[in-house]
Amino acid sequence: MRYLIQGGESELRLTTLLGFTDIRSKPTIQALKDHLQSNHLGLPDTRAAIRNGIELSNFSRALKRLNEVAEQYEVLKAYELQHLKSAKR
């Protein structure tokens, strides 16, 4: 399942999620920004990879990992929200 939306992510969300990964390549990070961030271009994956001089396979792997982290984050948020609701009762 995809948790990240092309051209629909804030800089803060993307930076935060990247902090939970081992993605450190500047061209890869820039390609992810060009693809995902709302204040960037929202480029298709192929164009984002080409524009930043990285292999599409490397971009796809990074995007997959970022989506995995986003999924884990959403699961945690849901758990905490439920915990807070039950604690208020």
C-alpha atoms as a PDB file:
ATOM      1  CA  MET A   1       0.000   0.000   0.000  1.00  0.00           C
ATOM      2  CA  ARG A   2       1.175   3.513  -0.715  1.00  0.00           C
ATOM      3  CA  TYR A   3       1.184   5.983   2.131  1.00  0.00           C
ATOM      4  CA  LEU A   4       2.998   8.769   0.299  1.00  0.00           C
ATOM      5  CA  ILE A   5       1.317  10.856  -2.383  1.00  0.00           C
ATOM      6  CA  GLN A   6       3.131  12.172  -5.428  1.00  0.00           C
ATOM      7  CA  GLY A   7       3.324  15.962  -5.104  1.00  0.00           C
ATOM      8  CA  GLY A   8       1.302  15.879  -1.895  1.00  0.00           C
ATOM      9  CA  GLU A   9       3.786  15.634   0.954  1.00  0.00           C
ATOM     10  CA  SER A  10       5.073  18.457   3.104  1.00  0.00           C
ATOM     11  CA  GLU A  11       8.762  19.089   3.586  1.00  0.00           C
ATOM     12  CA  LEU A  12       8.423  18.403   7.313  1.00  0.00           C
ATOM     13  CA  ARG A  13       6.747  15.014   6.790  1.00  0.00           C
ATOM     14  CA  LEU A  14       9.290  13.918   4.195  1.00  0.00           C
ATOM     15  CA  THR A  15      12.271  15.089   6.262  1.00  0.00           C
ATOM     16  CA  THR A  16      10.897  13.374   9.356  1.00  0.00           C
ATOM     17  CA  LEU A  17      10.292  10.080   7.546  1.00  0.00           C
ATOM     18  CA  LEU A  18      13.740  10.210   5.933  1.00  0.00           C
ATOM     19  CA  GLY A  19      15.203  10.555   9.421  1.00  0.00           C
ATOM     20  CA  PHE A  20      13.901   7.067  10.215  1.00  0.00           C
ATOM     21  CA  THR A  21      15.742   5.545   7.246  1.00  0.00           C
ATOM     22  CA  ASP A  22      19.335   5.039   6.188  1.00  0.00           C
ATOM     23  CA  ILE A  23      18.750   6.983   2.943  1.00  0.00           C
ATOM     24  CA  ARG A  24      21.603   9.518   2.826  1.00  0.00           C
ATOM     25  CA  SER A  25      22.379   9.994  -0.869  1.00  0.00           C
ATOM     26  CA  LYS A  26      21.737  13.638  -1.736  1.00  0.00           C
ATOM     27  CA  PRO A  27      20.658  12.866  -5.328  1.00  0.00           C
ATOM     28  CA  THR A  28      18.245  10.190  -4.071  1.00  0.00           C
ATOM     29  CA  ILE A  29      16.794  12.515  -1.447  1.00  0.00           C
ATOM     30  CA  GLN A  30      16.419  15.274  -4.029  1.00  0.00           C
ATOM     31  CA  ALA A  31      14.674  12.871  -6.413  1.00  0.00           C
ATOM     32  CA  LEU A  32      12.280  11.865  -3.625  1.00  0.00           C
ATOM     33  CA  LYS A  33      11.592  15.538  -2.936  1.00  0.00           C
ATOM     34  CA  ASP A  34      10.998  16.246  -6.623  1.00  0.00           C
ATOM     35  CA  HIS A  35       8.545  13.352  -6.719  1.00  0.00           C
ATOM     36  CA  LEU A  36       6.758  13.728  -3.375  1.00  0.00           C
ATOM     37  CA  GLN A  37       6.866  17.259  -2.021  1.00  0.00           C
ATOM     38  CA  SER A  38       4.056  19.673  -2.659  1.00  0.00           C
ATOM     39  CA  ASN A  39       6.451  22.624  -2.865  1.00  0.00           C
ATOM     40  CA  HIS A  40       8.581  20.830  -5.465  1.00  0.00           C
ATOM     41  CA  LEU A  41       7.617  19.505  -8.852  1.00  0.00           C
ATOM     42  CA  GLY A  42       5.586  16.354  -8.146  1.00  0.00           C
ATOM     43  CA  LEU A  43       7.485  14.710 -10.997  1.00  0.00           C
ATOM     44  CA  PRO A  44       6.747  11.156 -12.116  1.00  0.00           C
ATOM     45  CA  ASP A  45       9.235   8.672 -10.665  1.00  0.00           C
ATOM     46  CA  THR A  46      11.160   8.180 -13.916  1.00  0.00           C
ATOM     47  CA  ARG A  47      11.618  11.915 -14.475  1.00  0.00           C
ATOM     48  CA  ALA A  48      12.632  12.532 -10.852  1.00  0.00           C
ATOM     49  CA  ALA A  49      15.305   9.834 -11.115  1.00  0.00           C
ATOM     50  CA  ILE A  50      16.642  11.064 -14.460  1.00  0.00           C
ATOM     51  CA  ARG A  51      16.636  14.708 -13.330  1.00  0.00           C
ATOM     52  CA  ASN A  52      18.824  13.785 -10.355  1.00  0.00           C
ATOM     53  CA  GLY A  53      21.112  11.344 -12.177  1.00  0.00           C
ATOM     54  CA  ILE A  54      20.149   8.194 -10.308  1.00  0.00           C
ATOM     55  CA  GLU A  55      19.041   4.777 -11.495  1.00  0.00           C
ATOM     56  CA  LEU A  56      15.293   4.231 -11.452  1.00  0.00           C
ATOM     57  CA  SER A  57      15.851   1.007  -9.493  1.00  0.00           C
ATOM     58  CA  ASN A  58      17.637   2.956  -6.741  1.00  0.00           C
ATOM     59  CA  PHE A  59      14.866   5.534  -6.676  1.00  0.00           C
ATOM     60  CA  SER A  60      12.197   2.823  -6.522  1.00  0.00           C
ATOM     61  CA  ARG A  61      13.988   1.065  -3.676  1.00  0.00           C
ATOM     62  CA  ALA A  62      14.238   4.326  -1.699  1.00  0.00           C
ATOM     63  CA  LEU A  63      10.579   5.152  -2.337  1.00  0.00           C
ATOM     64  CA  LYS A  64       9.541   1.663  -1.256  1.00  0.00           C
ATOM     65  CA  ARG A  65      11.540   1.996   1.969  1.00  0.00           C
ATOM     66  CA  LEU A  66      10.069   5.422   2.657  1.00  0.00           C
ATOM     67  CA  ASN A  67       6.558   4.021   2.166  1.00  0.00           C
ATOM     68  CA  GLU A  68       7.359   1.207   4.610  1.00  0.00           C
ATOM     69  CA  VAL A  69       8.429   3.755   7.210  1.00  0.00           C
ATOM     70  CA  ALA A  70       5.318   5.850   6.518  1.00  0.00           C
ATOM     71  CA  GLU A  71       3.177   2.755   7.074  1.00  0.00           C
ATOM     72  CA  GLN A  72       4.872   2.054  10.405  1.00  0.00           C
ATOM     73  CA  TYR A  73       4.372   5.678  11.397  1.00  0.00           C
ATOM     74  CA  GLU A  74       0.658   5.558  10.542  1.00  0.00           C
ATOM     75  CA  VAL A  75       0.215   2.341  12.556  1.00  0.00           C
ATOM     76  CA  LEU A  76       1.905   3.993  15.528  1.00  0.00           C
ATOM     77  CA  LYS A  77      -0.270   7.110  15.211  1.00  0.00           C
ATOM     78  CA  ALA A  78      -3.429   4.990  15.139  1.00  0.00           C
ATOM     79  CA  TYR A  79      -2.297   3.036  18.190  1.00  0.00           C
ATOM     80  CA  GLU A  80      -1.483   6.194  20.130  1.00  0.00           C
ATOM     81  CA  LEU A  81      -4.774   7.829  19.184  1.00  0.00           C
ATOM     82  CA  GLN A  82      -6.670   4.790  20.381  1.00  0.00           C
ATOM     83  CA  HIS A  83      -4.624   4.714  23.590  1.00  0.00           C
ATOM     84  CA  LEU A  84      -5.364   8.399  24.237  1.00  0.00           C
ATOM     85  CA  LYS A  85      -9.084   7.896  23.645  1.00  0.00           C
ATOM     86  CA  SER A  86      -9.220   4.983  26.082  1.00  0.00           C
ATOM     87  CA  ALA A  87      -7.181   6.880  28.684  1.00  0.00           C
ATOM     88  CA  LYS A  88      -9.699   9.759  28.660  1.00  0.00           C
ATOM     89  CA  ARG A  89     -12.561   7.444  29.653  1.00  0.00           C
END
